[in-house]
Protein backbone atom coordinates (compact mmCIF):
# COMPACT_ATOMS: atom_id res chain seq x y z
CA MET A 1 0.00 0.00 0.00
CA ILE A 2 1.19 3.50 -0.86
CA LEU A 3 -0.28 6.33 1.21
CA SER A 4 0.05 9.87 -0.11
CA PHE A 5 -0.81 12.81 2.12
CA LEU A 6 -2.71 15.13 -0.21
CA GLY A 7 -3.31 17.71 2.49
CA THR A 8 -2.46 17.93 6.19
CA GLY A 9 -4.00 21.26 7.22
CA THR A 10 -7.13 22.46 8.95
CA SER A 11 -10.30 23.83 7.39
CA GLN A 12 -8.49 27.11 6.64
CA GLY A 13 -5.26 25.53 5.44
CA VAL A 14 -1.83 27.01 6.13
CA PRO A 15 -0.97 29.82 5.47
CA VAL A 16 -4.24 31.29 6.69
CA PRO A 17 -5.45 34.28 4.63
CA ALA A 18 -4.59 37.63 6.25
CA CYS A 19 -2.64 35.98 9.09
CA ASP A 20 0.69 37.56 10.01
CA CYS A 21 1.95 34.84 12.36
CA ASN A 22 5.45 33.45 11.86
CA VAL A 23 4.24 30.10 10.49
CA CYS A 24 2.01 31.74 7.89
CA THR A 25 4.58 34.32 6.80
CA MET A 26 7.90 32.48 7.17
CA GLY A 27 7.03 28.79 6.99
CA THR A 28 8.81 26.38 4.66
CA ASN A 29 7.08 24.11 2.16
CA LYS A 30 6.40 21.61 4.94
CA ASP A 31 4.48 24.31 6.81
CA HIS A 32 2.21 24.98 3.81
CA ARG A 33 -0.80 22.73 4.27
CA LEU A 34 -3.84 22.13 2.06
CA ARG A 35 -7.07 20.82 3.53
CA THR A 36 -6.75 17.31 4.95
CA SER A 37 -7.06 14.39 2.55
CA ALA A 38 -5.13 11.25 1.64
CA LEU A 39 -4.72 8.90 -1.32
CA ILE A 40 -4.38 5.13 -0.99
CA GLU A 41 -3.02 2.97 -3.81
CA ILE A 42 -3.20 -0.77 -3.28
CA ASP A 43 -3.65 -3.77 -5.62
CA ASN A 44 -4.37 -1.56 -8.63
CA THR A 45 -7.09 0.26 -6.68
CA THR A 46 -6.91 4.00 -5.93
CA ILE A 47 -9.01 5.43 -3.11
CA CYS A 48 -9.24 9.04 -1.97
CA LEU A 49 -10.07 9.72 1.66
CA ASP A 50 -12.21 12.89 1.50
CA ALA A 51 -12.40 15.49 -1.26
CA GLY A 52 -12.03 18.95 0.19
CA PRO A 53 -11.78 22.36 -1.49
CA ASP A 54 -8.26 21.57 -2.75
CA PHE A 55 -9.25 18.26 -4.40
CA ARG A 56 -8.69 19.48 -7.97
CA TYR A 57 -5.21 20.78 -7.29
CA GLN A 58 -4.31 17.70 -5.24
CA MET A 59 -5.30 15.40 -8.10
CA LEU A 60 -3.21 17.46 -10.51
CA ARG A 61 -0.20 17.63 -8.19
CA GLU A 62 -0.18 13.86 -7.69
CA ASN A 63 -0.94 13.21 -11.38
CA VAL A 64 -3.88 10.96 -10.49
CA LYS A 65 -5.19 9.40 -13.70
CA LYS A 66 -7.39 6.73 -12.14
CA LEU A 67 -9.66 7.04 -9.11
CA ASP A 68 -11.85 4.12 -8.09
CA ALA A 69 -13.66 5.66 -5.13
CA ILE A 70 -13.88 8.49 -2.64
CA VAL A 71 -14.47 7.51 0.99
CA ILE A 72 -15.87 10.26 3.20
CA THR A 73 -14.93 10.69 6.85
CA HIS A 74 -17.65 13.30 7.42
CA SER A 75 -19.52 15.98 5.51
CA HIS A 76 -17.94 19.19 6.76
CA ARG A 77 -17.09 21.42 3.82
CA ASP A 78 -13.33 21.07 4.16
CA HIS A 79 -13.85 17.35 3.48
CA ILE A 80 -16.47 17.32 0.70
CA ALA A 81 -16.34 20.70 -1.08
CA GLY A 82 -14.22 19.30 -3.94
CA LEU A 83 -16.72 16.64 -4.97
CA ASP A 84 -17.82 18.77 -7.91
CA ASP A 85 -14.43 18.09 -9.49
CA VAL A 86 -15.08 14.38 -10.01
CA ARG A 87 -16.49 15.45 -13.39
CA SER A 88 -13.23 14.77 -15.20
CA PHE A 89 -13.16 11.22 -13.82
CA ASN A 90 -16.82 10.80 -14.81
CA TYR A 91 -15.88 11.81 -18.34
CA LEU A 92 -12.93 9.42 -18.56
CA THR A 93 -14.73 6.39 -17.09
CA LYS A 94 -18.20 7.15 -18.51
CA LYS A 95 -19.74 6.31 -15.14
CA PRO A 96 -20.56 7.94 -11.80
CA MET A 97 -17.90 8.18 -9.09
CA ASP A 98 -18.40 5.74 -6.23
CA VAL A 99 -18.68 7.80 -3.05
CA TYR A 100 -18.84 5.89 0.23
CA ALA A 101 -20.51 7.78 3.10
CA THR A 102 -22.92 7.36 5.99
CA LYS A 103 -26.61 8.05 5.41
CA TYR A 104 -26.30 11.34 7.28
CA ASP A 105 -23.32 12.45 5.19
CA GLN A 106 -25.13 11.46 2.02
CA LYS A 107 -27.97 13.84 2.96
CA GLU A 108 -25.44 16.64 3.36
CA ILE A 109 -23.80 15.80 0.02
CA LYS A 110 -27.20 15.83 -1.68
CA ARG A 111 -27.98 19.19 -0.10
CA GLU A 112 -24.62 20.75 -0.95
CA PHE A 113 -24.61 19.42 -4.52
CA SER A 114 -28.35 19.44 -5.12
CA TYR A 115 -27.81 20.58 -8.72
CA ALA A 116 -26.08 17.27 -9.45
CA PHE A 117 -29.06 15.22 -8.25
CA ASN A 118 -31.99 17.31 -9.48
CA ASN A 119 -30.87 18.36 -12.93
CA ASN A 120 -30.17 16.61 -16.22
CA TYR A 121 -27.93 19.41 -17.46
CA PRO A 122 -24.93 17.85 -19.27
CA GLY A 123 -21.53 18.11 -17.63
CA LEU A 124 -22.71 17.94 -14.04
CA PRO A 125 -20.85 15.65 -11.62
CA LYS A 126 -22.29 12.18 -11.21
CA TYR A 127 -22.11 10.17 -8.00
CA ASN A 128 -22.94 6.64 -6.98
CA LEU A 129 -23.58 7.08 -3.26
CA ILE A 130 -22.87 3.89 -1.29
CA THR A 131 -23.92 3.64 2.35
CA ILE A 132 -21.44 2.71 5.03
CA ASP A 133 -22.18 1.99 8.69
CA ASP A 134 -20.38 -0.20 11.22
CA ASP A 135 -19.79 -3.15 8.92
CA ASP A 136 -16.74 -3.79 6.79
CA PHE A 137 -17.13 -2.83 3.14
CA CYS A 138 -15.08 -3.37 0.00
CA VAL A 139 -13.75 -1.10 -2.72
CA ASN A 140 -12.97 -3.59 -5.44
CA ASN A 141 -11.27 -6.29 -3.37
CA ILE A 142 -9.96 -3.95 -0.64
CA VAL A 143 -11.63 -4.54 2.73
CA ILE A 144 -12.18 -1.36 4.77
CA THR A 145 -13.28 -1.30 8.41
CA PRO A 146 -15.17 1.82 9.56
CA ILE A 147 -14.20 3.27 12.94
CA ARG A 148 -16.75 5.59 14.57
CA ALA A 149 -15.49 8.61 16.47
CA LEU A 150 -16.79 11.99 17.60
CA HIS A 151 -15.95 15.46 16.31
CA TYR A 152 -17.47 17.39 19.23
CA ASN A 153 -21.09 16.22 18.80
CA THR A 154 -20.74 15.19 15.15
CA GLN A 155 -20.10 11.60 14.13
CA VAL A 156 -17.04 11.03 11.97
CA MET A 157 -15.65 7.87 10.45
CA GLY A 158 -12.10 6.68 10.63
CA PHE A 159 -11.01 3.74 8.49
CA ARG A 160 -8.77 0.72 8.82
CA ILE A 161 -7.22 -1.20 5.92
CA GLY A 162 -5.15 -4.15 7.05
CA LYS A 163 -2.73 -2.85 9.66
CA PHE A 164 -3.18 0.80 8.70
CA ALA A 165 -5.72 3.20 10.24
CA TYR A 166 -6.68 6.79 9.44
CA ILE A 167 -8.67 8.97 11.86
CA THR A 168 -9.07 12.70 11.48
CA ASP A 169 -11.25 15.46 12.95
CA THR A 170 -11.92 13.76 16.25
CA ASN A 171 -11.61 14.56 19.92
CA TYR A 172 -12.98 11.24 21.18
CA ILE A 173 -12.65 7.62 20.08
CA PRO A 174 -15.12 5.50 22.08
CA PRO A 175 -14.10 2.15 23.59
CA SER A 176 -16.32 0.36 21.07
CA SER A 177 -14.05 1.72 18.32
CA LEU A 178 -10.69 1.41 20.06
CA HIS A 179 -10.74 -2.37 19.81
CA LYS A 180 -10.82 -2.03 16.01
CA LEU A 181 -7.38 -0.43 16.27
CA ASP A 182 -5.71 -3.43 17.92
CA SER A 183 -2.41 -4.54 16.41
CA ILE A 184 -2.11 -1.84 13.77
CA ASP A 185 1.31 -0.95 12.42
CA THR A 186 0.60 2.55 11.08
CA LEU A 187 -1.77 5.17 12.50
CA VAL A 188 -2.64 8.59 11.06
CA ILE A 189 -4.43 10.81 13.57
CA ASN A 190 -5.33 14.48 13.89
CA ALA A 191 -3.51 16.90 16.19
CA LEU A 192 -4.80 20.42 15.66
CA ARG A 193 -2.66 22.55 17.99
CA ARG A 194 -1.01 22.59 21.39
CA GLU A 195 -3.90 24.18 23.27
CA LYS A 196 -7.01 22.15 24.05
CA HIS A 197 -9.79 22.33 21.44
CA PRO A 198 -13.48 21.35 21.73
CA SER A 199 -13.63 19.20 18.59
CA HIS A 200 -10.09 18.05 17.79
CA TYR A 201 -7.32 16.32 19.66
CA ASN A 202 -4.58 18.69 20.66
CA LEU A 203 -0.98 17.53 20.61
CA GLU A 204 -1.00 16.15 24.15
CA GLU A 205 -4.23 14.23 23.59
CA ALA A 206 -3.09 12.79 20.26
CA LEU A 207 0.16 11.57 21.82
CA ARG A 208 -1.82 9.98 24.65
CA VAL A 209 -4.06 8.11 22.19
CA ILE A 210 -1.03 6.98 20.19
CA GLY A 211 0.55 5.74 23.40
CA PHE A 212 -2.57 3.73 24.20
CA ILE A 213 -2.95 2.19 20.72
CA LYS A 214 0.79 1.56 20.38
CA PRO A 215 1.24 1.47 16.58
CA LYS A 216 4.73 0.89 15.26
CA GLN A 217 4.54 4.25 13.45
CA ALA A 218 2.20 7.22 13.80
CA TYR A 219 1.72 10.39 11.76
CA LEU A 220 0.03 13.60 12.87
CA THR A 221 -2.28 15.41 10.44
CA HIS A 222 -4.96 18.14 10.35
CA ILE A 223 -2.42 20.59 11.77
CA SER A 224 -3.08 24.31 12.22
CA HIS A 225 -0.72 27.27 12.04
CA MET A 226 -1.05 27.52 15.83
CA MET A 227 0.96 24.30 16.24
CA GLY A 228 4.18 26.09 15.28
CA PHE A 229 6.82 25.23 12.70
CA HIS A 230 6.91 21.72 11.25
CA ASN A 231 10.61 21.10 11.88
CA GLU A 232 10.45 22.29 15.50
CA LEU A 233 7.48 20.04 16.23
CA GLU A 234 9.14 17.09 14.51
CA ASN A 235 12.16 17.45 16.80
CA GLU A 236 9.95 17.32 19.89
CA LEU A 237 8.17 14.08 19.10
CA PRO A 238 9.02 10.65 20.50
CA ARG A 239 10.59 8.02 18.29
CA GLY A 240 8.04 6.45 15.94
CA ILE A 241 5.84 9.56 15.71
CA ASN A 242 6.21 12.02 12.85
CA VAL A 243 4.48 15.09 11.50
CA ALA A 244 2.85 14.45 8.15
CA TYR A 245 3.24 17.07 5.44
CA ASP A 246 1.66 17.67 2.06
CA GLY A 247 3.15 15.39 -0.57
CA LEU A 248 4.60 12.88 1.89
CA LYS A 249 4.38 9.32 0.57
CA ILE A 250 4.83 6.25 2.73
CA SER A 251 4.84 2.56 1.92
CA ILE A 252 2.83 0.38 4.28
């Protein structure tokens, strides 16, 4: 499996418009973060985790020519706003894009992109919405295990594929979900900033969760400009924990 970090930033990205902080004005390329998303390539299957506002650019940057499915963690705009740009894949494949999402998130997608569902105008994006819940599901022959978590009072979905797990935009993983993370080798988890936040893990909380799950390797994502510089944070972290950055590719 090849995992590509398409974006590792918050809903505003980094730099933040009109912000004069040091990270936004003097950060290196590793401090420049698009909205959080990831690409998985395994057994000739390509899956995108979320499609935020930067989806089009992310697909171009990674030269993605084939996309089998988009799997949605939750329907906040920084995770679904790019769904309109599946049109080019619709054109190439001559079929709708498979989009895996909970029933609630499907309602939000239908509301946000109502023009795509209630109009026969040519050139509109086309989706095949596929419902996910607590049961394993497959994209082609790839088995994916959903992992429920909370984003304040909003349900989000993390996902496990083999010994890899991806969980973003959460501040609480219930015990009923933690057991699904047993014996994983690689964990990607959100860490918004150093200070406590009502809907995201901060750095201390993310490290505590990583320490409990005990993966062989962990990566932090969904990072804000308030976290500080990438390289400084990287130097603070324990062995086996790294800061993800846009464009990072890892083999799992």
